[in-house]
Structure formats: C-alpha cells, structure tokens
Amino acid sequence: MTTHPIRPFPDDAAVRAVGEGLLARTLPKAEWTHEAHLAAMLWLLRERPDFAPEAELPATISGYNLAVGGENTDSAGYHETLTQLYIRGVRAFAATLPADVALVTAVNALLASEIGPRDWPLCFYSRERLFSVEARRGWVEPDLVAIPDA
C-alpha cells in the first residue's frame, strides 16, 4: 500500500460543509479530495437517512463533476466500481462505531482505518481491472480477493 499523509477534518462543520457542498454542487473542485469523498459518504450515512447512496450517489457525483467543470468519460470523472466499493466499505465501518461518536471523530477514524488509503481498492482489484472502462461505467467484481461481507 502507498502511504499518503492523512488530512483530518477539524470539526463537524467542516465535514458537513463537504457533504452539503457535494449535494448542492457548490463545493469547490479543489476541495473534492479523497478525504472529502469518504467524509461525504459517512456524513450521508449518518445524517441523511433519506439519501440512498447506492442508488443516488452515482448521479450526485456525476452531476457535481459537471457543475464544477469536470467531465464523466471513459477515463475521467465518475467511477461506478470505486463508488460502490467505498459505499460498502464506509457502510461496514460505520456499523462498528458507537452511535454517539462525534461526526468528525468518526470521519477521522475512517480516514485512519484500513479503508482510508487511496489504494485500498487495490486489495481487491488489479489496476487493469479497476481502471478499465467496464469498471468505470458499471460495477465489476474484484479479480484478486473477494470483498468481505458488510
């Protein structure tokens, strides 16, 4: 695994700002980092029970990408397999947390967990399979190791 420094969030408000900015398509593009992706997912699970991530996050991220001048192509932008994998991973992680843990504490613990590294998906997928057009466009099963049940 490649090690990148963890960029923790300072408080609950910073986490909420990322999630709300994603939904409103107002989060500055430079702030849509790997950490922001994970923080937004955990925030959605904890504070937006009306939001169904598996069904709604694809259009949310795709729409956000376009709104900030990005694109969704066979080589850039939205990636279905990564999104669905991280939804599973973050959902499983969230299930291990006490209900009363602060949002920022939960997010920073997620970032420091085994799910936090940017290359976590490569535990399950070869680079070739994960970064294929097929994986970007739709869900593909891993080719290295099965994903543990949540």
N, C-alpha and C. Protein backbone atom coordinates (compact mmCIF):
# COMPACT_ATOMS: atom_id res chain seq x y z
N MET A 1 0.83 -1.19 0.00
CA MET A 1 0.00 0.00 0.00
C MET A 1 0.87 1.25 0.00
N THR A 2 0.43 2.24 -0.71
CA THR A 2 1.10 3.53 -0.73
C THR A 2 0.61 4.35 0.45
N THR A 3 1.54 5.03 1.11
CA THR A 3 1.16 5.84 2.25
C THR A 3 1.10 7.30 1.85
N HIS A 4 -0.04 7.93 2.10
CA HIS A 4 -0.22 9.36 1.90
C HIS A 4 -0.55 9.95 3.25
N PRO A 5 -0.12 11.15 3.53
CA PRO A 5 -0.48 11.75 4.81
C PRO A 5 -1.99 11.93 4.91
N ILE A 6 -2.52 11.62 6.07
CA ILE A 6 -3.95 11.79 6.31
C ILE A 6 -4.21 13.27 6.55
N ARG A 7 -5.21 13.79 5.88
CA ARG A 7 -5.62 15.17 6.07
C ARG A 7 -6.93 15.16 6.86
N PRO A 8 -6.83 15.19 8.20
CA PRO A 8 -8.04 15.10 9.02
C PRO A 8 -8.89 16.36 8.93
N PHE A 9 -10.13 16.21 9.29
CA PHE A 9 -11.07 17.33 9.34
C PHE A 9 -10.99 17.97 10.72
N PRO A 10 -11.14 19.30 10.81
CA PRO A 10 -11.01 19.97 12.10
C PRO A 10 -12.25 19.86 12.99
N ASP A 11 -13.43 19.73 12.38
CA ASP A 11 -14.66 19.72 13.19
C ASP A 11 -15.84 19.20 12.37
N ASP A 12 -16.97 19.01 13.06
CA ASP A 12 -18.18 18.52 12.39
C ASP A 12 -18.62 19.45 11.26
N ALA A 13 -18.50 20.76 11.48
CA ALA A 13 -18.94 21.72 10.48
C ALA A 13 -18.18 21.54 9.16
N ALA A 14 -16.91 21.24 9.23
CA ALA A 14 -16.11 21.04 8.02
C ALA A 14 -16.58 19.80 7.26
N VAL A 15 -16.94 18.76 7.98
CA VAL A 15 -17.45 17.54 7.34
C VAL A 15 -18.80 17.84 6.68
N ARG A 16 -19.67 18.51 7.43
CA ARG A 16 -21.00 18.83 6.87
C ARG A 16 -20.88 19.73 5.65
N ALA A 17 -19.93 20.66 5.66
CA ALA A 17 -19.75 21.56 4.52
C ALA A 17 -19.40 20.79 3.26
N VAL A 18 -18.60 19.74 3.39
CA VAL A 18 -18.25 18.92 2.24
C VAL A 18 -19.50 18.19 1.72
N GLY A 19 -20.22 17.54 2.61
CA GLY A 19 -21.42 16.80 2.19
C GLY A 19 -22.47 17.70 1.59
N GLU A 20 -22.73 18.82 2.24
CA GLU A 20 -23.73 19.75 1.73
C GLU A 20 -23.28 20.39 0.42
N GLY A 21 -21.98 20.68 0.32
CA GLY A 21 -21.45 21.24 -0.92
C GLY A 21 -21.53 20.27 -2.08
N LEU A 22 -21.32 18.99 -1.80
CA LEU A 22 -21.48 17.96 -2.83
C LEU A 22 -22.93 17.95 -3.33
N LEU A 23 -23.87 17.87 -2.41
CA LEU A 23 -25.28 17.79 -2.81
C LEU A 23 -25.74 19.05 -3.54
N ALA A 24 -25.27 20.21 -3.10
CA ALA A 24 -25.66 21.48 -3.72
C ALA A 24 -24.83 21.80 -4.96
N ARG A 25 -23.77 21.00 -5.18
CA ARG A 25 -22.85 21.20 -6.30
C ARG A 25 -22.11 22.54 -6.19
N THR A 26 -21.83 22.93 -4.95
CA THR A 26 -21.15 24.19 -4.69
C THR A 26 -19.77 24.01 -4.06
N LEU A 27 -19.40 22.80 -3.72
CA LEU A 27 -18.08 22.55 -3.13
C LEU A 27 -17.03 22.88 -4.18
N PRO A 28 -16.05 23.71 -3.85
CA PRO A 28 -15.00 23.99 -4.84
C PRO A 28 -14.31 22.70 -5.28
N LYS A 29 -14.03 22.61 -6.56
CA LYS A 29 -13.45 21.40 -7.14
C LYS A 29 -12.18 20.98 -6.40
N ALA A 30 -11.35 21.93 -6.01
CA ALA A 30 -10.09 21.62 -5.32
C ALA A 30 -10.32 20.96 -3.96
N GLU A 31 -11.51 21.12 -3.41
CA GLU A 31 -11.83 20.53 -2.10
C GLU A 31 -12.45 19.14 -2.22
N TRP A 32 -12.67 18.66 -3.44
CA TRP A 32 -13.25 17.32 -3.66
C TRP A 32 -12.11 16.31 -3.71
N THR A 33 -11.50 16.13 -2.56
CA THR A 33 -10.34 15.26 -2.38
C THR A 33 -10.78 13.84 -2.03
N HIS A 34 -9.82 12.94 -1.94
CA HIS A 34 -10.11 11.58 -1.49
C HIS A 34 -10.76 11.62 -0.11
N GLU A 35 -10.19 12.42 0.79
CA GLU A 35 -10.76 12.53 2.14
C GLU A 35 -12.18 13.07 2.10
N ALA A 36 -12.43 14.02 1.21
CA ALA A 36 -13.78 14.58 1.08
C ALA A 36 -14.77 13.53 0.60
N HIS A 37 -14.35 12.69 -0.33
CA HIS A 37 -15.23 11.61 -0.79
C HIS A 37 -15.67 10.74 0.39
N LEU A 38 -14.71 10.32 1.21
CA LEU A 38 -15.02 9.45 2.35
C LEU A 38 -15.85 10.18 3.39
N ALA A 39 -15.50 11.43 3.67
CA ALA A 39 -16.25 12.22 4.65
C ALA A 39 -17.70 12.41 4.20
N ALA A 40 -17.89 12.73 2.94
CA ALA A 40 -19.26 12.92 2.42
C ALA A 40 -20.07 11.64 2.54
N MET A 41 -19.43 10.51 2.24
CA MET A 41 -20.14 9.24 2.33
C MET A 41 -20.57 8.95 3.76
N LEU A 42 -19.67 9.14 4.71
CA LEU A 42 -20.02 8.88 6.11
C LEU A 42 -21.08 9.86 6.59
N TRP A 43 -20.97 11.11 6.20
CA TRP A 43 -21.98 12.12 6.56
C TRP A 43 -23.35 11.71 6.00
N LEU A 44 -23.39 11.29 4.74
CA LEU A 44 -24.66 10.87 4.16
C LEU A 44 -25.27 9.71 4.94
N LEU A 45 -24.46 8.74 5.30
CA LEU A 45 -24.97 7.59 6.05
C LEU A 45 -25.49 7.99 7.42
N ARG A 46 -24.79 8.90 8.08
CA ARG A 46 -25.15 9.27 9.45
C ARG A 46 -26.25 10.31 9.54
N GLU A 47 -26.25 11.28 8.63
CA GLU A 47 -27.13 12.42 8.80
C GLU A 47 -28.16 12.60 7.70
N ARG A 48 -28.14 11.77 6.69
CA ARG A 48 -29.11 11.89 5.60
C ARG A 48 -29.76 10.53 5.33
N PRO A 49 -30.56 10.03 6.29
CA PRO A 49 -31.19 8.73 6.08
C PRO A 49 -32.16 8.71 4.90
N ASP A 50 -32.54 9.88 4.40
CA ASP A 50 -33.41 9.97 3.23
C ASP A 50 -32.65 9.74 1.92
N PHE A 51 -31.35 9.71 1.99
CA PHE A 51 -30.49 9.57 0.81
C PHE A 51 -30.06 8.10 0.69
N ALA A 52 -30.33 7.50 -0.45
CA ALA A 52 -29.96 6.10 -0.70
C ALA A 52 -28.66 6.09 -1.52
N PRO A 53 -27.50 5.96 -0.86
CA PRO A 53 -26.22 6.11 -1.57
C PRO A 53 -26.05 5.22 -2.79
N GLU A 54 -26.37 3.94 -2.67
CA GLU A 54 -26.16 3.03 -3.79
C GLU A 54 -26.90 3.50 -5.05
N ALA A 55 -28.08 4.04 -4.85
CA ALA A 55 -28.90 4.49 -5.99
C ALA A 55 -28.64 5.94 -6.36
N GLU A 56 -28.42 6.80 -5.37
CA GLU A 56 -28.37 8.24 -5.63
C GLU A 56 -26.97 8.83 -5.80
N LEU A 57 -25.97 8.19 -5.23
CA LEU A 57 -24.64 8.78 -5.29
C LEU A 57 -24.06 8.84 -6.71
N PRO A 58 -24.32 7.86 -7.58
CA PRO A 58 -23.79 7.98 -8.94
C PRO A 58 -24.21 9.27 -9.63
N ALA A 59 -25.48 9.58 -9.64
CA ALA A 59 -25.95 10.82 -10.29
C ALA A 59 -25.48 12.05 -9.53
N THR A 60 -25.38 11.94 -8.22
CA THR A 60 -24.92 13.08 -7.42
C THR A 60 -23.48 13.44 -7.78
N ILE A 61 -22.60 12.44 -7.79
CA ILE A 61 -21.20 12.71 -8.11
C ILE A 61 -21.05 13.12 -9.57
N SER A 62 -21.72 12.45 -10.48
CA SER A 62 -21.64 12.80 -11.90
C SER A 62 -22.10 14.24 -12.13
N GLY A 63 -23.21 14.61 -11.52
CA GLY A 63 -23.72 15.97 -11.65
C GLY A 63 -22.79 17.00 -11.04
N TYR A 64 -22.23 16.66 -9.89
CA TYR A 64 -21.26 17.55 -9.25
C TYR A 64 -20.06 17.75 -10.17
N ASN A 65 -19.51 16.67 -10.73
CA ASN A 65 -18.36 16.78 -11.62
C ASN A 65 -18.62 17.77 -12.75
N LEU A 66 -19.77 17.66 -13.37
CA LEU A 66 -20.11 18.56 -14.47
C LEU A 66 -20.28 19.99 -13.99
N ALA A 67 -20.88 20.16 -12.82
CA ALA A 67 -21.13 21.50 -12.29
C ALA A 67 -19.85 22.27 -11.98
N VAL A 68 -18.78 21.54 -11.67
CA VAL A 68 -17.52 22.22 -11.34
C VAL A 68 -16.54 22.19 -12.52
N GLY A 69 -17.05 21.91 -13.70
CA GLY A 69 -16.21 21.96 -14.89
C GLY A 69 -15.49 20.68 -15.22
N GLY A 70 -15.84 19.61 -14.54
CA GLY A 70 -15.22 18.32 -14.83
C GLY A 70 -15.98 17.59 -15.91
N GLU A 71 -15.65 16.33 -16.06
CA GLU A 71 -16.30 15.51 -17.07
C GLU A 71 -16.48 14.10 -16.52
N ASN A 72 -17.32 13.35 -17.18
CA ASN A 72 -17.54 11.95 -16.85
C ASN A 72 -17.36 11.16 -18.14
N THR A 73 -16.16 10.62 -18.31
CA THR A 73 -15.82 9.92 -19.55
C THR A 73 -15.30 8.53 -19.23
N ASP A 74 -14.81 7.86 -20.23
CA ASP A 74 -14.24 6.53 -20.04
C ASP A 74 -12.90 6.57 -19.32
N SER A 75 -12.35 7.76 -19.13
CA SER A 75 -11.05 7.87 -18.47
C SER A 75 -10.99 8.92 -17.36
N ALA A 76 -12.08 9.61 -17.10
CA ALA A 76 -12.07 10.66 -16.08
C ALA A 76 -13.46 10.83 -15.48
N GLY A 77 -13.49 11.38 -14.26
CA GLY A 77 -14.76 11.68 -13.62
C GLY A 77 -15.32 10.48 -12.87
N TYR A 78 -16.63 10.35 -12.93
CA TYR A 78 -17.32 9.33 -12.14
C TYR A 78 -16.81 7.92 -12.44
N HIS A 79 -16.70 7.11 -11.36
CA HIS A 79 -16.22 5.73 -11.47
C HIS A 79 -17.16 4.85 -10.63
N GLU A 80 -17.99 4.07 -11.30
CA GLU A 80 -19.02 3.28 -10.61
C GLU A 80 -18.46 2.25 -9.64
N THR A 81 -17.47 1.49 -10.05
CA THR A 81 -16.96 0.43 -9.18
C THR A 81 -16.32 1.04 -7.93
N LEU A 82 -15.53 2.08 -8.08
CA LEU A 82 -14.94 2.72 -6.90
C LEU A 82 -16.02 3.26 -5.97
N THR A 83 -17.03 3.90 -6.54
CA THR A 83 -18.09 4.47 -5.71
C THR A 83 -18.81 3.38 -4.92
N GLN A 84 -19.21 2.32 -5.60
CA GLN A 84 -19.96 1.27 -4.92
C GLN A 84 -19.09 0.52 -3.91
N LEU A 85 -17.81 0.35 -4.21
CA LEU A 85 -16.90 -0.30 -3.26
C LEU A 85 -16.77 0.54 -2.00
N TYR A 86 -16.56 1.84 -2.16
CA TYR A 86 -16.42 2.69 -0.98
C TYR A 86 -17.73 2.82 -0.20
N ILE A 87 -18.86 2.79 -0.87
CA ILE A 87 -20.13 2.78 -0.14
C ILE A 87 -20.16 1.55 0.77
N ARG A 88 -19.82 0.39 0.23
CA ARG A 88 -19.80 -0.84 1.04
C ARG A 88 -18.82 -0.71 2.21
N GLY A 89 -17.62 -0.24 1.91
CA GLY A 89 -16.60 -0.13 2.94
C GLY A 89 -16.97 0.86 4.03
N VAL A 90 -17.45 2.01 3.64
CA VAL A 90 -17.81 3.03 4.64
C VAL A 90 -19.03 2.58 5.44
N ARG A 91 -19.97 1.94 4.78
CA ARG A 91 -21.15 1.42 5.50
C ARG A 91 -20.72 0.38 6.54
N ALA A 92 -19.81 -0.50 6.18
CA ALA A 92 -19.32 -1.52 7.13
C ALA A 92 -18.56 -0.85 8.27
N PHE A 93 -17.74 0.13 7.97
CA PHE A 93 -17.00 0.85 9.01
C PHE A 93 -17.97 1.56 9.94
N ALA A 94 -18.95 2.24 9.39
CA ALA A 94 -19.92 2.99 10.20
C ALA A 94 -20.67 2.08 11.17
N ALA A 95 -20.91 0.85 10.76
CA ALA A 95 -21.62 -0.10 11.61
C ALA A 95 -20.82 -0.47 12.86
N THR A 96 -19.53 -0.24 12.85
CA THR A 96 -18.68 -0.57 14.01
C THR A 96 -18.60 0.56 15.03
N LEU A 97 -19.12 1.73 14.68
CA LEU A 97 -18.98 2.91 15.54
C LEU A 97 -20.11 3.02 16.56
N PRO A 98 -19.80 3.52 17.75
CA PRO A 98 -20.87 3.82 18.70
C PRO A 98 -21.77 4.92 18.11
N ALA A 99 -23.03 4.87 18.39
CA ALA A 99 -23.99 5.82 17.83
C ALA A 99 -23.71 7.26 18.27
N ASP A 100 -23.09 7.43 19.43
CA ASP A 100 -22.90 8.78 19.96
C ASP A 100 -21.54 9.40 19.64
N VAL A 101 -20.73 8.75 18.81
CA VAL A 101 -19.43 9.31 18.47
C VAL A 101 -19.63 10.54 17.58
N ALA A 102 -18.87 11.58 17.83
CA ALA A 102 -18.97 12.81 17.05
C ALA A 102 -18.67 12.53 15.58
N LEU A 103 -19.32 13.27 14.71
CA LEU A 103 -19.13 13.09 13.27
C LEU A 103 -17.66 13.23 12.88
N VAL A 104 -17.00 14.28 13.33
CA VAL A 104 -15.60 14.49 12.96
C VAL A 104 -14.70 13.37 13.49
N THR A 105 -15.00 12.87 14.67
CA THR A 105 -14.24 11.76 15.23
C THR A 105 -14.42 10.52 14.37
N ALA A 106 -15.64 10.27 13.94
CA ALA A 106 -15.93 9.12 13.08
C ALA A 106 -15.22 9.25 11.73
N VAL A 107 -15.29 10.43 11.14
CA VAL A 107 -14.65 10.63 9.83
C VAL A 107 -13.14 10.48 9.94
N ASN A 108 -12.54 11.10 10.95
CA ASN A 108 -11.09 10.99 11.08
C ASN A 108 -10.65 9.57 11.40
N ALA A 109 -11.47 8.83 12.14
CA ALA A 109 -11.17 7.41 12.38
C ALA A 109 -11.27 6.62 11.07
N LEU A 110 -12.25 6.94 10.25
CA LEU A 110 -12.38 6.30 8.94
C LEU A 110 -11.13 6.56 8.09
N LEU A 111 -10.69 7.81 8.06
CA LEU A 111 -9.51 8.16 7.26
C LEU A 111 -8.26 7.42 7.74
N ALA A 112 -8.20 7.12 9.04
CA ALA A 112 -7.04 6.42 9.60
C ALA A 112 -7.20 4.90 9.56
N SER A 113 -8.35 4.42 9.11
CA SER A 113 -8.63 2.98 9.09
C SER A 113 -8.04 2.33 7.84
N GLU A 114 -8.22 1.02 7.72
CA GLU A 114 -7.73 0.30 6.54
C GLU A 114 -8.41 0.77 5.26
N ILE A 115 -9.59 1.36 5.37
CA ILE A 115 -10.34 1.86 4.21
C ILE A 115 -9.80 3.21 3.74
N GLY A 116 -9.13 3.93 4.62
CA GLY A 116 -8.68 5.28 4.34
C GLY A 116 -7.68 5.46 3.22
N PRO A 117 -6.72 4.58 3.04
CA PRO A 117 -5.72 4.80 1.99
C PRO A 117 -6.33 4.85 0.59
N ARG A 118 -5.75 5.69 -0.23
CA ARG A 118 -6.24 5.85 -1.61
C ARG A 118 -6.17 4.55 -2.40
N ASP A 119 -5.24 3.69 -2.06
CA ASP A 119 -5.10 2.46 -2.83
C ASP A 119 -5.78 1.25 -2.16
N TRP A 120 -6.65 1.49 -1.20
CA TRP A 120 -7.41 0.40 -0.56
C TRP A 120 -8.11 -0.49 -1.59
N PRO A 121 -8.71 0.06 -2.63
CA PRO A 121 -9.39 -0.82 -3.61
C PRO A 121 -8.46 -1.83 -4.26
N LEU A 122 -7.16 -1.54 -4.29
CA LEU A 122 -6.22 -2.47 -4.91
C LEU A 122 -5.95 -3.71 -4.05
N CYS A 123 -6.55 -3.77 -2.88
CA CYS A 123 -6.55 -5.01 -2.10
C CYS A 123 -7.43 -6.06 -2.78
N PHE A 124 -8.39 -5.60 -3.56
CA PHE A 124 -9.40 -6.46 -4.17
C PHE A 124 -9.27 -6.57 -5.69
N TYR A 125 -8.75 -5.51 -6.29
CA TYR A 125 -8.71 -5.41 -7.75
C TYR A 125 -7.28 -5.22 -8.27
N SER A 126 -7.02 -5.79 -9.42
CA SER A 126 -5.79 -5.43 -10.14
C SER A 126 -6.00 -4.03 -10.72
N ARG A 127 -4.93 -3.33 -10.95
CA ARG A 127 -5.03 -1.99 -11.56
C ARG A 127 -5.76 -2.06 -12.90
N GLU A 128 -5.43 -3.08 -13.68
CA GLU A 128 -6.03 -3.21 -15.01
C GLU A 128 -7.55 -3.32 -14.92
N ARG A 129 -8.02 -4.15 -14.01
CA ARG A 129 -9.47 -4.33 -13.89
C ARG A 129 -10.14 -3.11 -13.29
N LEU A 130 -9.55 -2.56 -12.23
CA LEU A 130 -10.17 -1.43 -11.54
C LEU A 130 -10.24 -0.20 -12.43
N PHE A 131 -9.23 0.03 -13.24
CA PHE A 131 -9.20 1.24 -14.06
C PHE A 131 -9.64 0.99 -15.50
N SER A 132 -10.36 -0.10 -15.69
CA SER A 132 -10.91 -0.40 -17.01
C SER A 132 -12.16 0.45 -17.27
N VAL A 133 -12.49 0.60 -18.54
CA VAL A 133 -13.71 1.31 -18.91
C VAL A 133 -14.92 0.60 -18.31
N GLU A 134 -14.90 -0.72 -18.33
CA GLU A 134 -16.01 -1.51 -17.78
C GLU A 134 -16.24 -1.17 -16.29
N ALA A 135 -15.17 -1.06 -15.52
CA ALA A 135 -15.30 -0.76 -14.08
C ALA A 135 -15.73 0.68 -13.85
N ARG A 136 -15.33 1.58 -14.72
CA ARG A 136 -15.75 2.97 -14.59
C ARG A 136 -17.24 3.11 -14.89
N ARG A 137 -17.71 2.41 -15.88
CA ARG A 137 -19.12 2.52 -16.32
C ARG A 137 -20.10 1.74 -15.46
N GLY A 138 -19.65 0.65 -14.87
CA GLY A 138 -20.57 -0.20 -14.10
C GLY A 138 -19.81 -0.98 -13.05
N TRP A 139 -20.55 -1.66 -12.20
CA TRP A 139 -19.94 -2.47 -11.15
C TRP A 139 -19.27 -3.68 -11.77
N VAL A 140 -18.02 -3.94 -11.36
CA VAL A 140 -17.35 -5.19 -11.72
C VAL A 140 -16.87 -5.86 -10.43
N GLU A 141 -16.94 -7.15 -10.44
CA GLU A 141 -16.48 -7.92 -9.28
C GLU A 141 -14.95 -7.89 -9.21
N PRO A 142 -14.40 -7.99 -8.01
CA PRO A 142 -12.94 -7.97 -7.88
C PRO A 142 -12.31 -9.20 -8.53
N ASP A 143 -11.05 -9.04 -8.92
CA ASP A 143 -10.34 -10.15 -9.55
C ASP A 143 -9.19 -10.68 -8.70
N LEU A 144 -8.95 -10.08 -7.52
CA LEU A 144 -7.87 -10.56 -6.64
C LEU A 144 -8.40 -11.28 -5.41
N VAL A 145 -9.26 -10.61 -4.67
CA VAL A 145 -9.79 -11.12 -3.41
C VAL A 145 -11.25 -10.69 -3.30
N ALA A 146 -12.09 -11.57 -2.79
CA ALA A 146 -13.50 -11.22 -2.59
C ALA A 146 -13.62 -10.10 -1.55
N ILE A 147 -14.60 -9.25 -1.75
CA ILE A 147 -14.87 -8.18 -0.79
C ILE A 147 -15.60 -8.80 0.40
N PRO A 148 -15.12 -8.56 1.62
CA PRO A 148 -15.80 -9.13 2.79
C PRO A 148 -17.24 -8.62 2.90
N ASP A 149 -18.11 -9.47 3.39
CA ASP A 149 -19.49 -9.06 3.62
C ASP A 149 -19.52 -7.99 4.70
N ALA A 150 -20.41 -7.03 4.51
CA ALA A 150 -20.52 -5.93 5.49
C ALA A 150 -21.15 -6.41 6.76
